[in-house]
Amino acid sequence: MPVSQPTVPWRPPVPAGVSMRDLLASCAAAAVISRPPAEPEPKRLEPVEPHRDAA
């Protein structure tokens, strides 16, 4: 008895996972989240002069 051939042509298996766009987006998001918050700017010690109004 002969072995029947598959009717669908063989294709290489597709790797399961995420697209490159999603992978890069998740890496960028992880980098932003993992950074500590920025330090607040130091207060000025000298007084700030008010701006003069234009004539």
N, C-alpha and C. Protein backbone atom coordinates (compact mmCIF):
# COMPACT_ATOMS: atom_id res chain seq x y z
N MET A 1 0.84 -1.17 0.00
CA MET A 1 0.00 0.00 0.00
C MET A 1 0.89 1.24 0.00
N PRO A 2 0.74 2.14 -0.99
CA PRO A 2 1.59 3.33 -1.08
C PRO A 2 1.19 4.38 -0.03
N VAL A 3 2.18 5.16 0.38
CA VAL A 3 1.95 6.23 1.36
C VAL A 3 1.42 7.44 0.61
N SER A 4 0.33 7.99 1.09
CA SER A 4 -0.25 9.15 0.41
C SER A 4 0.59 10.40 0.68
N GLN A 5 0.69 11.23 -0.31
CA GLN A 5 1.44 12.48 -0.21
C GLN A 5 0.53 13.57 0.36
N PRO A 6 1.09 14.47 1.14
CA PRO A 6 0.25 15.57 1.65
C PRO A 6 -0.22 16.45 0.50
N THR A 7 -1.42 16.96 0.60
CA THR A 7 -1.97 17.79 -0.46
C THR A 7 -1.53 19.24 -0.33
N VAL A 8 -1.12 19.68 0.85
CA VAL A 8 -0.66 21.06 1.05
C VAL A 8 0.86 21.07 0.95
N PRO A 9 1.42 21.98 0.15
CA PRO A 9 2.89 22.02 0.04
C PRO A 9 3.51 22.40 1.39
N TRP A 10 4.70 21.87 1.63
CA TRP A 10 5.38 22.11 2.90
C TRP A 10 5.91 23.52 2.93
N ARG A 11 5.68 24.20 4.05
CA ARG A 11 6.25 25.53 4.27
C ARG A 11 7.04 25.48 5.56
N PRO A 12 8.12 26.24 5.65
CA PRO A 12 8.88 26.24 6.91
C PRO A 12 8.00 26.78 8.03
N PRO A 13 8.20 26.30 9.23
CA PRO A 13 7.37 26.76 10.35
C PRO A 13 7.64 28.24 10.66
N VAL A 14 6.59 28.93 11.02
CA VAL A 14 6.71 30.35 11.37
C VAL A 14 7.03 30.41 12.86
N PRO A 15 8.08 31.13 13.22
CA PRO A 15 8.41 31.22 14.65
C PRO A 15 7.33 32.00 15.39
N ALA A 16 6.94 31.48 16.51
CA ALA A 16 5.95 32.17 17.34
C ALA A 16 6.63 33.32 18.07
N GLY A 17 5.95 34.40 18.22
CA GLY A 17 6.53 35.52 18.94
C GLY A 17 5.91 36.83 18.53
N VAL A 18 6.68 37.88 18.67
CA VAL A 18 6.20 39.22 18.38
C VAL A 18 6.92 39.80 17.18
N SER A 19 6.31 40.81 16.58
CA SER A 19 6.94 41.46 15.45
C SER A 19 8.12 42.31 15.94
N MET A 20 8.99 42.65 15.04
CA MET A 20 10.16 43.46 15.40
C MET A 20 9.71 44.82 15.90
N ARG A 21 8.66 45.39 15.30
CA ARG A 21 8.16 46.69 15.74
C ARG A 21 7.69 46.63 17.19
N ASP A 22 6.94 45.58 17.54
CA ASP A 22 6.46 45.43 18.91
C ASP A 22 7.61 45.19 19.88
N LEU A 23 8.60 44.43 19.43
CA LEU A 23 9.75 44.16 20.28
C LEU A 23 10.53 45.43 20.59
N LEU A 24 10.76 46.25 19.55
CA LEU A 24 11.49 47.50 19.76
C LEU A 24 10.69 48.47 20.62
N ALA A 25 9.38 48.50 20.43
CA ALA A 25 8.54 49.39 21.24
C ALA A 25 8.56 48.96 22.70
N SER A 26 8.53 47.67 22.95
CA SER A 26 8.54 47.22 24.34
C SER A 26 9.90 47.50 24.99
N CYS A 27 10.97 47.40 24.24
CA CYS A 27 12.30 47.71 24.78
C CYS A 27 12.41 49.20 25.10
N ALA A 28 11.87 50.05 24.23
CA ALA A 28 11.91 51.49 24.49
C ALA A 28 11.07 51.84 25.71
N ALA A 29 9.92 51.20 25.85
CA ALA A 29 9.07 51.46 27.02
C ALA A 29 9.75 50.99 28.30
N ALA A 30 10.41 49.85 28.24
CA ALA A 30 11.10 49.34 29.42
C ALA A 30 12.25 50.26 29.82
N ALA A 31 12.93 50.83 28.83
CA ALA A 31 14.04 51.74 29.14
C ALA A 31 13.52 53.00 29.82
N VAL A 32 12.39 53.51 29.36
CA VAL A 32 11.82 54.73 29.97
C VAL A 32 11.37 54.45 31.39
N ILE A 33 10.72 53.32 31.60
CA ILE A 33 10.19 53.00 32.92
C ILE A 33 11.31 52.71 33.92
N SER A 34 12.40 52.11 33.46
CA SER A 34 13.46 51.71 34.37
C SER A 34 14.36 52.86 34.80
N ARG A 35 14.29 54.01 34.10
CA ARG A 35 15.09 55.16 34.50
C ARG A 35 14.48 55.83 35.72
N PRO A 36 15.33 56.27 36.65
CA PRO A 36 14.79 57.00 37.80
C PRO A 36 14.26 58.36 37.34
N PRO A 37 13.35 58.96 38.09
CA PRO A 37 12.83 60.27 37.69
C PRO A 37 13.93 61.32 37.72
N ALA A 38 13.76 62.33 36.89
CA ALA A 38 14.76 63.40 36.82
C ALA A 38 14.78 64.20 38.11
N GLU A 39 15.96 64.67 38.47
CA GLU A 39 16.11 65.50 39.66
C GLU A 39 15.44 66.85 39.40
N PRO A 40 14.78 67.42 40.41
CA PRO A 40 14.20 68.75 40.21
C PRO A 40 15.31 69.78 40.05
N GLU A 41 15.00 70.82 39.29
CA GLU A 41 16.00 71.86 39.09
C GLU A 41 16.20 72.63 40.40
N PRO A 42 17.46 73.01 40.70
CA PRO A 42 17.70 73.75 41.95
C PRO A 42 17.08 75.14 41.86
N LYS A 43 16.66 75.65 43.01
CA LYS A 43 16.05 76.98 43.08
C LYS A 43 17.15 78.03 42.87
N ARG A 44 16.76 79.14 42.25
CA ARG A 44 17.72 80.23 42.04
C ARG A 44 17.97 80.94 43.36
N LEU A 45 19.22 81.26 43.62
CA LEU A 45 19.57 81.98 44.84
C LEU A 45 19.44 83.49 44.67
N GLU A 46 19.75 84.01 43.46
CA GLU A 46 19.66 85.44 43.25
C GLU A 46 18.24 85.78 42.78
N PRO A 47 17.74 86.95 43.14
CA PRO A 47 16.38 87.33 42.74
C PRO A 47 16.30 87.55 41.23
N VAL A 48 15.16 87.26 40.69
CA VAL A 48 14.94 87.44 39.26
C VAL A 48 14.30 88.79 39.04
N GLU A 49 14.88 89.60 38.13
CA GLU A 49 14.33 90.93 37.84
C GLU A 49 13.14 90.79 36.92
N PRO A 50 12.08 91.54 37.16
CA PRO A 50 10.92 91.46 36.26
C PRO A 50 11.27 92.03 34.90
N HIS A 51 10.63 91.50 33.88
CA HIS A 51 10.86 92.00 32.52
C HIS A 51 10.14 93.34 32.34
N ARG A 52 10.77 94.19 31.55
CA ARG A 52 10.12 95.47 31.26
C ARG A 52 9.15 95.26 30.10
N ASP A 53 8.04 95.99 30.11
CA ASP A 53 7.09 95.89 29.02
C ASP A 53 7.64 96.62 27.81
N ALA A 54 7.28 96.12 26.64
CA ALA A 54 7.71 96.77 25.41
C ALA A 54 6.94 98.09 25.25
N ALA A 55 7.61 99.06 24.63
CA ALA A 55 6.97 100.38 24.46
C ALA A 55 5.94 100.34 23.35
